[in-house]
Amino acid sequence: VTTSGIKQGPVLHSVSQQPV
């Protein structure tokens, strides 16, 4: 699942509010 351009993976928990 991607959020606002955020890459898939455990990073979603760390940067769920910042587009990567």
Protein backbone atom coordinates (compact mmCIF):
# COMPACT_ATOMS: atom_id res chain seq x y z
CA VAL A 1 0.00 0.00 0.00
CA THR A 2 1.36 3.40 -0.96
CA THR A 3 0.45 6.71 0.66
CA SER A 4 1.03 10.03 -1.10
CA GLY A 5 4.00 8.63 -3.00
CA ILE A 6 5.45 6.81 -0.01
CA LYS A 7 7.24 3.60 -0.96
CA GLN A 8 5.90 0.22 0.12
CA GLY A 9 7.49 -1.35 3.18
CA PRO A 10 8.07 -0.79 6.90
CA VAL A 11 8.96 2.83 6.14
CA LEU A 12 5.22 3.52 6.10
CA HIS A 13 5.30 3.38 9.88
CA SER A 14 8.14 5.88 10.13
CA VAL A 15 7.22 8.35 7.38
CA SER A 16 3.48 7.91 7.12
CA GLN A 17 3.14 11.70 7.03
CA GLN A 18 6.05 12.47 4.72
CA PRO A 19 6.03 11.68 0.97
CA VAL A 20 9.30 9.99 0.05
